[in-house]
Structure formats: structure tokens, C-alpha cells
């Protein structure tokens, strides 16, 4: 009999409890900086003048500006006018029968207001997401898998299967690095745990020199293992985010953030 989401979550967390007994659940909000004290020191220094501050300010301006063709705002598309809701995404949309990420919800809002869709990996979408995530900081991830809807369970399962499936020329799965080898070194880097992975986006990555979305990082990882990189906000990557976010329920939102 296949395990359900709650049982999956318990087993997932138990693995990390045994691997990192010194960490509490909320510590995983800090990603690799909860594990690597040297990297944490550098990160805390950067956080004194974080490189994502401008993205928050620009995001607020974009969020507040009316759409030229309808006069409506992003706030009109979201519960609570879009403030303090990022921790509840991805959300299951029973009418559409799909998991809707916050990035997709923003573009859906644009589409309903006859505006061109934004790039799903960088640019304005990261500024909007930065502002919305900032208004949710400190709130804990709260993802619901409605177990009375078989479509939601199927989406969750697809995300889970993708996470554990080996693929690409390197024959790696997401879990190869972030479950089996979490805390170990790959070249000069320590591999992070998957708990909390979805709560610190969008992120200013020092490697990129700019803000980027979670799906940009998903696609980069897939390219690095020489696997097919599905499009950002494709159903499979939204379902992967749905699975990972549910695993991280109860961990505080820290986005936007800075990462290597």
C-alpha cells in the first residue's frame, strides 16, 4: 500500500532528525547555513546589507501599480489583497485541478488583466515574489494536500516521484544530493537538506549576480546532471514544488534571501 502525504512527511523528517540531531525544524529555514558554520558567518555578514533589498522595494511598486488595460491591481487577484499569503503556496486549485504556485498565480493575474506574461525565472517576477515573500516572513509554510481529491494526490505523487527518480547522464535524483548525501561535500560545497528548500525564494544567488526563482534553480540542477530541464512553471516542476513545500510545513518563510 502506497504511503500517504502525512506518512511521507514523517519519514522525510525522521531521516533528517537522525542525520542532524542538533537541528530543530525551524533551523532548516536557513538552508545550508544551518549546517555549515563557516558559510553561515559569511551569510550573516551579507545579510547586514542584503542584495535583495532593492527587489523588495521594486516589487512593492510593481504590485501597487494598476494594470493599464483594466485599472485593476495584483491585489485584486489574491486573498487578503496578496499580503502575508506566500507561505500558503503552492495552493491546490480544485476548479482548475492543478497546483498553483505563487509565480503562476501572478502570471494568471496578468493574463486575466490582458497583460503579457512575465519571464518565470528572472526579472520582474522575482521582484513581485520578493515583495510578497517579505510580507510573509516568519509565517510557517502551510501547504494543504486535500486527500479527498484524487487529482491533488496524483499531483503530489508526481512531484514525489520526480524528486526520487534518477535521470540524466549522471543518473542522479534530487534525493541523491539532498537526502542521501545531505551534509556531505561535493567538491567545495556542502550539500543542503531538502527541508525548507522552498521557503527562501526568490533568492539573490552570488553565482548568478541577480535574483532568480525556485524554478530557475530546479532547471539549473537538472542541467547540471545532464537531464532534460522542464520549462519553469511546467506542471511537473509545480508538482515538485508542491511535494517539497508540503514536506517543509511548519518551517518559517525566509524569502527573499541570499545564497551562494
C-alpha atoms as a PDB file:
ATOM      1  CA  UNK A   1       0.000   0.000   0.000  1.00  0.00           C
ATOM      2  CA  UNK A   2       1.359   3.409  -1.024  1.00  0.00           C
ATOM      3  CA  UNK A   3       2.199   5.805   1.819  1.00  0.00           C
ATOM      4  CA  UNK A   4       0.128   8.977   2.062  1.00  0.00           C
ATOM      5  CA  UNK A   5       1.460  12.551   2.308  1.00  0.00           C
ATOM      6  CA  UNK A   6       1.414  12.637   6.124  1.00  0.00           C
ATOM      7  CA  UNK A   7       3.368   9.396   6.415  1.00  0.00           C
ATOM      8  CA  UNK A   8       5.817  10.587   3.748  1.00  0.00           C
ATOM      9  CA  UNK A   9       6.343  13.783   5.713  1.00  0.00           C
ATOM     10  CA  UNK A  10       7.017  11.943   8.960  1.00  0.00           C
ATOM     11  CA  UNK A  11       9.556   9.620   7.338  1.00  0.00           C
ATOM     12  CA  UNK A  12      11.227  12.503   5.495  1.00  0.00           C
ATOM     13  CA  UNK A  13      11.697  14.460   8.710  1.00  0.00           C
ATOM     14  CA  UNK A  14      12.822  11.443  10.681  1.00  0.00           C
ATOM     15  CA  UNK A  15      15.661  10.931   8.207  1.00  0.00           C
ATOM     16  CA  UNK A  16      16.938  14.456   8.859  1.00  0.00           C
ATOM     17  CA  UNK A  17      16.384  14.178  12.611  1.00  0.00           C
ATOM     18  CA  UNK A  18      18.772  11.255  12.650  1.00  0.00           C
ATOM     19  CA  UNK A  19      21.216  12.931  10.268  1.00  0.00           C
ATOM     20  CA  UNK A  20      21.294  16.319  12.031  1.00  0.00           C
ATOM     21  CA  UNK A  21      20.149  15.714  15.634  1.00  0.00           C
ATOM     22  CA  UNK A  22      21.398  19.160  16.663  1.00  0.00           C
ATOM     23  CA  UNK A  23      18.857  20.957  14.422  1.00  0.00           C
ATOM     24  CA  UNK A  24      15.292  21.934  15.232  1.00  0.00           C
ATOM     25  CA  UNK A  25      12.679  22.011  12.461  1.00  0.00           C
ATOM     26  CA  UNK A  26      12.744  25.819  12.228  1.00  0.00           C
ATOM     27  CA  UNK A  27      16.531  25.772  11.703  1.00  0.00           C
ATOM     28  CA  UNK A  28      16.026  24.353   8.225  1.00  0.00           C
ATOM     29  CA  UNK A  29      14.678  27.750   7.160  1.00  0.00           C
ATOM     30  CA  UNK A  30      18.325  28.798   6.845  1.00  0.00           C
ATOM     31  CA  UNK A  31      19.286  26.070   4.381  1.00  0.00           C
ATOM     32  CA  UNK A  32      22.961  25.225   4.220  1.00  0.00           C
ATOM     33  CA  UNK A  33      23.688  27.996   6.739  1.00  0.00           C
ATOM     34  CA  UNK A  34      22.086  25.847   9.430  1.00  0.00           C
ATOM     35  CA  UNK A  35      24.639  23.112   8.705  1.00  0.00           C
ATOM     36  CA  UNK A  36      27.844  24.911   7.715  1.00  0.00           C
ATOM     37  CA  UNK A  37      29.052  27.362  10.420  1.00  0.00           C
ATOM     38  CA  UNK A  38      31.719  28.910   8.165  1.00  0.00           C
ATOM     39  CA  UNK A  39      29.221  29.649   5.386  1.00  0.00           C
ATOM     40  CA  UNK A  40      26.764  30.933   7.994  1.00  0.00           C
ATOM     41  CA  UNK A  41      29.261  33.527   9.213  1.00  0.00           C
ATOM     42  CA  UNK A  42      29.730  34.916   5.699  1.00  0.00           C
ATOM     43  CA  UNK A  43      25.990  34.859   5.060  1.00  0.00           C
ATOM     44  CA  UNK A  44      25.202  36.799   8.254  1.00  0.00           C
ATOM     45  CA  UNK A  45      27.711  39.474   7.187  1.00  0.00           C
ATOM     46  CA  UNK A  46      25.985  39.789   3.790  1.00  0.00           C
ATOM     47  CA  UNK A  47      22.571  39.968   5.460  1.00  0.00           C
ATOM     48  CA  UNK A  48      23.558  43.243   7.156  1.00  0.00           C
ATOM     49  CA  UNK A  49      23.210  44.899   3.726  1.00  0.00           C
ATOM     50  CA  UNK A  50      21.316  42.261   1.733  1.00  0.00           C
ATOM     51  CA  UNK A  51      21.484  42.451  -2.074  1.00  0.00           C
ATOM     52  CA  UNK A  52      17.761  41.715  -2.395  1.00  0.00           C
ATOM     53  CA  UNK A  53      16.540  44.897  -0.651  1.00  0.00           C
ATOM     54  CA  UNK A  54      16.048  46.748  -3.916  1.00  0.00           C
ATOM     55  CA  UNK A  55      13.994  43.832  -5.269  1.00  0.00           C
ATOM     56  CA  UNK A  56      11.563  44.185  -2.331  1.00  0.00           C
ATOM     57  CA  UNK A  57      11.147  47.920  -2.974  1.00  0.00           C
ATOM     58  CA  UNK A  58      10.708  47.477  -6.718  1.00  0.00           C
ATOM     59  CA  UNK A  59       8.331  44.593  -6.136  1.00  0.00           C
ATOM     60  CA  UNK A  60       6.101  46.731  -3.939  1.00  0.00           C
ATOM     61  CA  UNK A  61       5.937  49.385  -6.663  1.00  0.00           C
ATOM     62  CA  UNK A  62       5.068  46.822  -9.325  1.00  0.00           C
ATOM     63  CA  UNK A  63       2.498  45.197  -7.065  1.00  0.00           C
ATOM     64  CA  UNK A  64       0.803  48.541  -6.330  1.00  0.00           C
ATOM     65  CA  UNK A  65       0.698  49.805  -9.926  1.00  0.00           C
ATOM     66  CA  UNK A  66      -2.638  49.410 -11.751  1.00  0.00           C
ATOM     67  CA  UNK A  67      -2.821  47.328 -14.904  1.00  0.00           C
ATOM     68  CA  UNK A  68      -3.072  49.775 -17.837  1.00  0.00           C
ATOM     69  CA  UNK A  69      -5.887  47.961 -19.653  1.00  0.00           C
ATOM     70  CA  UNK A  70      -8.227  47.252 -16.741  1.00  0.00           C
ATOM     71  CA  UNK A  71      -7.221  49.567 -13.899  1.00  0.00           C
ATOM     72  CA  UNK A  72      -7.213  46.595 -11.545  1.00  0.00           C
ATOM     73  CA  UNK A  73      -4.256  45.562  -9.346  1.00  0.00           C
ATOM     74  CA  UNK A  74      -2.421  42.380  -8.418  1.00  0.00           C
ATOM     75  CA  UNK A  75      -4.071  42.682  -5.005  1.00  0.00           C
ATOM     76  CA  UNK A  76      -7.463  42.092  -6.630  1.00  0.00           C
ATOM     77  CA  UNK A  77      -6.383  38.583  -7.657  1.00  0.00           C
ATOM     78  CA  UNK A  78      -5.407  37.298  -4.208  1.00  0.00           C
ATOM     79  CA  UNK A  79      -6.904  36.618  -0.787  1.00  0.00           C
ATOM     80  CA  UNK A  80      -6.011  39.275   1.807  1.00  0.00           C
ATOM     81  CA  UNK A  81      -5.008  41.514  -1.127  1.00  0.00           C
ATOM     82  CA  UNK A  82      -1.863  39.411  -1.593  1.00  0.00           C
ATOM     83  CA  UNK A  83      -0.291  40.385   1.738  1.00  0.00           C
ATOM     84  CA  UNK A  84       1.107  37.673   4.018  1.00  0.00           C
ATOM     85  CA  UNK A  85      -0.038  34.737   1.885  1.00  0.00           C
ATOM     86  CA  UNK A  86       3.171  33.387   0.301  1.00  0.00           C
ATOM     87  CA  UNK A  87       3.515  30.651   2.919  1.00  0.00           C
ATOM     88  CA  UNK A  88       0.314  29.013   1.612  1.00  0.00           C
ATOM     89  CA  UNK A  89       1.635  28.451  -1.927  1.00  0.00           C
ATOM     90  CA  UNK A  90       1.591  26.232  -3.945  1.00  0.00           C
ATOM     91  CA  UNK A  91      -2.157  26.011  -3.493  1.00  0.00           C
ATOM     92  CA  UNK A  92      -4.412  23.312  -4.851  1.00  0.00           C
ATOM     93  CA  UNK A  93      -6.985  24.823  -7.239  1.00  0.00           C
ATOM     94  CA  UNK A  94      -9.898  22.416  -7.319  1.00  0.00           C
ATOM     95  CA  UNK A  95     -11.566  24.241 -10.216  1.00  0.00           C
ATOM     96  CA  UNK A  96      -8.503  24.017 -12.442  1.00  0.00           C
ATOM     97  CA  UNK A  97      -7.415  20.678 -10.998  1.00  0.00           C
ATOM     98  CA  UNK A  98      -3.796  21.736 -10.540  1.00  0.00           C
ATOM     99  CA  UNK A  99      -1.250  23.001  -8.045  1.00  0.00           C
ATOM    100  CA  UNK A 100      -0.837  26.748  -8.487  1.00  0.00           C
ATOM    101  CA  UNK A 101       2.445  28.289  -7.394  1.00  0.00           C
ATOM    102  CA  UNK A 102       2.654  31.939  -6.396  1.00  0.00           C
ATOM    103  CA  UNK A 103       4.600  32.696  -9.588  1.00  0.00           C
ATOM    104  CA  UNK A 104       1.884  31.084 -11.705  1.00  0.00           C
ATOM    105  CA  UNK A 105      -0.822  32.927  -9.774  1.00  0.00           C
ATOM    106  CA  UNK A 106       0.914  36.223 -10.592  1.00  0.00           C
ATOM    107  CA  UNK A 107       1.020  35.398 -14.290  1.00  0.00           C
ATOM    108  CA  UNK A 108      -2.576  34.133 -14.187  1.00  0.00           C
ATOM    109  CA  UNK A 109      -3.497  37.508 -12.717  1.00  0.00           C
ATOM    110  CA  UNK A 110      -1.687  39.283 -15.539  1.00  0.00           C
ATOM    111  CA  UNK A 111      -3.399  37.121 -18.127  1.00  0.00           C
ATOM    112  CA  UNK A 112      -6.834  37.882 -16.677  1.00  0.00           C
ATOM    113  CA  UNK A 113      -5.961  41.574 -16.955  1.00  0.00           C
ATOM    114  CA  UNK A 114      -4.856  41.218 -20.594  1.00  0.00           C
ATOM    115  CA  UNK A 115      -1.178  41.742 -19.781  1.00  0.00           C
ATOM    116  CA  UNK A 116       1.814  39.904 -21.233  1.00  0.00           C
ATOM    117  CA  UNK A 117       3.156  37.049 -19.103  1.00  0.00           C
ATOM    118  CA  UNK A 118       6.396  37.634 -17.191  1.00  0.00           C
ATOM    119  CA  UNK A 119       9.543  35.541 -17.536  1.00  0.00           C
ATOM    120  CA  UNK A 120       9.149  32.793 -14.916  1.00  0.00           C
ATOM    121  CA  UNK A 121      12.835  32.654 -13.922  1.00  0.00           C
ATOM    122  CA  UNK A 122      14.142  36.211 -13.500  1.00  0.00           C
ATOM    123  CA  UNK A 123      13.301  39.876 -13.896  1.00  0.00           C
ATOM    124  CA  UNK A 124      10.040  41.455 -12.702  1.00  0.00           C
ATOM    125  CA  UNK A 125       8.617  38.163 -11.424  1.00  0.00           C
ATOM    126  CA  UNK A 126      11.429  37.949  -8.860  1.00  0.00           C
ATOM    127  CA  UNK A 127      10.694  41.463  -7.608  1.00  0.00           C
ATOM    128  CA  UNK A 128       6.993  40.739  -7.196  1.00  0.00           C
ATOM    129  CA  UNK A 129       7.759  37.454  -5.460  1.00  0.00           C
ATOM    130  CA  UNK A 130      10.365  39.154  -3.247  1.00  0.00           C
ATOM    131  CA  UNK A 131       7.803  41.665  -2.008  1.00  0.00           C
ATOM    132  CA  UNK A 132       5.103  39.048  -1.441  1.00  0.00           C
ATOM    133  CA  UNK A 133       7.514  36.682   0.327  1.00  0.00           C
ATOM    134  CA  UNK A 134       8.745  39.545   2.502  1.00  0.00           C
ATOM    135  CA  UNK A 135       5.196  40.177   3.715  1.00  0.00           C
ATOM    136  CA  UNK A 136       5.050  36.527   4.803  1.00  0.00           C
ATOM    137  CA  UNK A 137       8.397  36.380   6.577  1.00  0.00           C
ATOM    138  CA  UNK A 138       8.230  34.452   9.813  1.00  0.00           C
ATOM    139  CA  UNK A 139       4.988  32.721   8.882  1.00  0.00           C
ATOM    140  CA  UNK A 140       5.347  28.969   8.614  1.00  0.00           C
ATOM    141  CA  UNK A 141       4.822  27.038   5.402  1.00  0.00           C
ATOM    142  CA  UNK A 142       1.252  25.781   5.345  1.00  0.00           C
ATOM    143  CA  UNK A 143       0.553  23.577   2.321  1.00  0.00           C
ATOM    144  CA  UNK A 144      -2.642  21.563   2.084  1.00  0.00           C
ATOM    145  CA  UNK A 145      -2.987  18.321   0.102  1.00  0.00           C
ATOM    146  CA  UNK A 146      -6.752  17.725   0.004  1.00  0.00           C
ATOM    147  CA  UNK A 147      -6.846  13.961   0.436  1.00  0.00           C
ATOM    148  CA  UNK A 148     -10.461  13.791  -0.725  1.00  0.00           C
ATOM    149  CA  UNK A 149      -9.390  14.978  -4.193  1.00  0.00           C
ATOM    150  CA  UNK A 150      -7.602  12.227  -6.150  1.00  0.00           C
ATOM    151  CA  UNK A 151      -6.237  14.825  -8.586  1.00  0.00           C
ATOM    152  CA  UNK A 152      -4.404  16.589  -5.755  1.00  0.00           C
ATOM    153  CA  UNK A 153      -2.952  13.317  -4.506  1.00  0.00           C
ATOM    154  CA  UNK A 154      -1.880  12.456  -8.073  1.00  0.00           C
ATOM    155  CA  UNK A 155      -0.138  15.851  -8.441  1.00  0.00           C
ATOM    156  CA  UNK A 156       1.605  15.372  -5.097  1.00  0.00           C
ATOM    157  CA  UNK A 157       2.653  11.850  -6.101  1.00  0.00           C
ATOM    158  CA  UNK A 158       4.016  13.050  -9.440  1.00  0.00           C
ATOM    159  CA  UNK A 159       6.150  15.623  -7.603  1.00  0.00           C
ATOM    160  CA  UNK A 160       7.356  12.974  -5.173  1.00  0.00           C
ATOM    161  CA  UNK A 161       8.167  10.507  -7.971  1.00  0.00           C
ATOM    162  CA  UNK A 162      10.120  13.185  -9.839  1.00  0.00           C
ATOM    163  CA  UNK A 163      12.091  14.020  -6.689  1.00  0.00           C
ATOM    164  CA  UNK A 164      13.223  10.419  -6.198  1.00  0.00           C
ATOM    165  CA  UNK A 165      13.622   9.424  -9.857  1.00  0.00           C
ATOM    166  CA  UNK A 166      17.167   9.071 -11.172  1.00  0.00           C
ATOM    167  CA  UNK A 167      17.652  10.792 -14.501  1.00  0.00           C
ATOM    168  CA  UNK A 168      20.170  12.398 -16.801  1.00  0.00           C
ATOM    169  CA  UNK A 169      23.595  11.215 -17.855  1.00  0.00           C
ATOM    170  CA  UNK A 170      24.794  11.363 -14.243  1.00  0.00           C
ATOM    171  CA  UNK A 171      21.860   9.161 -13.140  1.00  0.00           C
ATOM    172  CA  UNK A 172      21.110  11.428 -10.173  1.00  0.00           C
ATOM    173  CA  UNK A 173      17.829  12.179  -8.442  1.00  0.00           C
ATOM    174  CA  UNK A 174      17.098  15.294  -6.391  1.00  0.00           C
ATOM    175  CA  UNK A 175      17.234  12.961  -3.387  1.00  0.00           C
ATOM    176  CA  UNK A 176      20.714  11.729  -4.319  1.00  0.00           C
ATOM    177  CA  UNK A 177      22.199  15.046  -3.233  1.00  0.00           C
ATOM    178  CA  UNK A 178      19.678  16.391  -0.738  1.00  0.00           C
ATOM    179  CA  UNK A 179      18.623  13.235   1.134  1.00  0.00           C
ATOM    180  CA  UNK A 180      21.253  10.519   0.711  1.00  0.00           C
ATOM    181  CA  UNK A 181      24.231  12.884   0.748  1.00  0.00           C
ATOM    182  CA  UNK A 182      22.929  15.910   2.665  1.00  0.00           C
ATOM    183  CA  UNK A 183      25.703  17.395   4.795  1.00  0.00           C
ATOM    184  CA  UNK A 184      28.450  15.837   2.664  1.00  0.00           C
ATOM    185  CA  UNK A 185      30.770  17.720   0.356  1.00  0.00           C
ATOM    186  CA  UNK A 186      30.567  17.795  -3.417  1.00  0.00           C
ATOM    187  CA  UNK A 187      33.781  19.486  -4.481  1.00  0.00           C
ATOM    188  CA  UNK A 188      33.997  22.581  -2.221  1.00  0.00           C
ATOM    189  CA  UNK A 189      30.287  22.782  -1.376  1.00  0.00           C
ATOM    190  CA  UNK A 190      28.294  21.099   1.394  1.00  0.00           C
ATOM    191  CA  UNK A 191      25.007  19.664   0.167  1.00  0.00           C
ATOM    192  CA  UNK A 192      21.916  21.088   1.841  1.00  0.00           C
ATOM    193  CA  UNK A 193      18.893  19.244   3.198  1.00  0.00           C
ATOM    194  CA  UNK A 194      15.634  19.500   1.237  1.00  0.00           C
ATOM    195  CA  UNK A 195      13.652  20.553   4.305  1.00  0.00           C
ATOM    196  CA  UNK A 196      12.937  24.258   3.949  1.00  0.00           C
ATOM    197  CA  UNK A 197      14.210  24.409   0.362  1.00  0.00           C
ATOM    198  CA  UNK A 198      11.130  26.154  -0.988  1.00  0.00           C
ATOM    199  CA  UNK A 199      10.797  28.811   1.719  1.00  0.00           C
ATOM    200  CA  UNK A 200      13.706  31.116   0.882  1.00  0.00           C
ATOM    201  CA  UNK A 201      12.777  32.148  -2.659  1.00  0.00           C
ATOM    202  CA  UNK A 202      13.203  34.236  -4.661  1.00  0.00           C
ATOM    203  CA  UNK A 203      16.899  34.339  -3.973  1.00  0.00           C
ATOM    204  CA  UNK A 204      19.811  36.557  -4.863  1.00  0.00           C
ATOM    205  CA  UNK A 205      22.427  33.974  -5.782  1.00  0.00           C
ATOM    206  CA  UNK A 206      26.000  35.199  -5.696  1.00  0.00           C
ATOM    207  CA  UNK A 207      26.708  32.804  -8.572  1.00  0.00           C
ATOM    208  CA  UNK A 208      24.041  34.476 -10.719  1.00  0.00           C
ATOM    209  CA  UNK A 209      24.726  38.022  -9.587  1.00  0.00           C
ATOM    210  CA  UNK A 210      20.974  38.647  -9.606  1.00  0.00           C
ATOM    211  CA  UNK A 211      17.627  37.480  -8.281  1.00  0.00           C
ATOM    212  CA  UNK A 212      16.166  34.219  -9.532  1.00  0.00           C
ATOM    213  CA  UNK A 213      13.209  31.969  -8.882  1.00  0.00           C
ATOM    214  CA  UNK A 214      12.989  28.482  -7.421  1.00  0.00           C
ATOM    215  CA  UNK A 215      12.161  27.029 -10.838  1.00  0.00           C
ATOM    216  CA  UNK A 216      15.280  28.611 -12.286  1.00  0.00           C
ATOM    217  CA  UNK A 217      17.235  26.679  -9.661  1.00  0.00           C
ATOM    218  CA  UNK A 218      15.303  23.465 -10.399  1.00  0.00           C
ATOM    219  CA  UNK A 219      16.187  23.805 -14.077  1.00  0.00           C
ATOM    220  CA  UNK A 220      19.821  24.560 -13.306  1.00  0.00           C
ATOM    221  CA  UNK A 221      20.084  21.404 -11.180  1.00  0.00           C
ATOM    222  CA  UNK A 222      18.569  19.320 -13.969  1.00  0.00           C
ATOM    223  CA  UNK A 223      21.041  20.760 -16.468  1.00  0.00           C
ATOM    224  CA  UNK A 224      23.936  20.027 -14.111  1.00  0.00           C
ATOM    225  CA  UNK A 225      23.037  16.325 -14.021  1.00  0.00           C
ATOM    226  CA  UNK A 226      22.572  16.444 -17.805  1.00  0.00           C
ATOM    227  CA  UNK A 227      18.852  15.728 -17.632  1.00  0.00           C
ATOM    228  CA  UNK A 228      16.030  17.343 -19.561  1.00  0.00           C
ATOM    229  CA  UNK A 229      15.205  20.650 -17.886  1.00  0.00           C
ATOM    230  CA  UNK A 230      11.441  21.052 -17.967  1.00  0.00           C
ATOM    231  CA  UNK A 231      10.166  24.620 -18.532  1.00  0.00           C
ATOM    232  CA  UNK A 232       9.766  26.858 -15.492  1.00  0.00           C
ATOM    233  CA  UNK A 233       6.194  26.635 -14.164  1.00  0.00           C
ATOM    234  CA  UNK A 234       5.516  23.466 -16.144  1.00  0.00           C
ATOM    235  CA  UNK A 235       3.109  21.115 -14.359  1.00  0.00           C
ATOM    236  CA  UNK A 236       5.897  18.706 -13.350  1.00  0.00           C
ATOM    237  CA  UNK A 237       8.004  21.419 -11.687  1.00  0.00           C
ATOM    238  CA  UNK A 238       4.946  22.906  -9.972  1.00  0.00           C
ATOM    239  CA  UNK A 239       4.151  19.449  -8.616  1.00  0.00           C
ATOM    240  CA  UNK A 240       7.755  19.063  -7.457  1.00  0.00           C
ATOM    241  CA  UNK A 241       7.394  22.369  -5.591  1.00  0.00           C
ATOM    242  CA  UNK A 242       4.053  21.154  -4.184  1.00  0.00           C
ATOM    243  CA  UNK A 243       5.673  17.995  -2.798  1.00  0.00           C
ATOM    244  CA  UNK A 244       8.727  19.757  -1.355  1.00  0.00           C
ATOM    245  CA  UNK A 245       6.657  22.541   0.192  1.00  0.00           C
ATOM    246  CA  UNK A 246       4.381  20.041   1.921  1.00  0.00           C
ATOM    247  CA  UNK A 247       7.462  18.273   3.314  1.00  0.00           C
ATOM    248  CA  UNK A 248       8.502  21.667   4.757  1.00  0.00           C
ATOM    249  CA  UNK A 249       5.234  22.531   6.500  1.00  0.00           C
ATOM    250  CA  UNK A 250       5.907  24.318   9.790  1.00  0.00           C
ATOM    251  CA  UNK A 251       9.222  25.853   8.662  1.00  0.00           C
ATOM    252  CA  UNK A 252       9.266  29.678   8.558  1.00  0.00           C
ATOM    253  CA  UNK A 253       9.366  31.601   5.283  1.00  0.00           C
ATOM    254  CA  UNK A 254      12.686  33.471   4.936  1.00  0.00           C
ATOM    255  CA  UNK A 255      12.438  34.728   1.367  1.00  0.00           C
ATOM    256  CA  UNK A 256      13.725  36.729  -0.257  1.00  0.00           C
ATOM    257  CA  UNK A 257      17.186  35.532   0.652  1.00  0.00           C
ATOM    258  CA  UNK A 258      20.825  35.364  -0.347  1.00  0.00           C
ATOM    259  CA  UNK A 259      22.512  32.113  -1.339  1.00  0.00           C
ATOM    260  CA  UNK A 260      25.839  31.147  -2.883  1.00  0.00           C
END
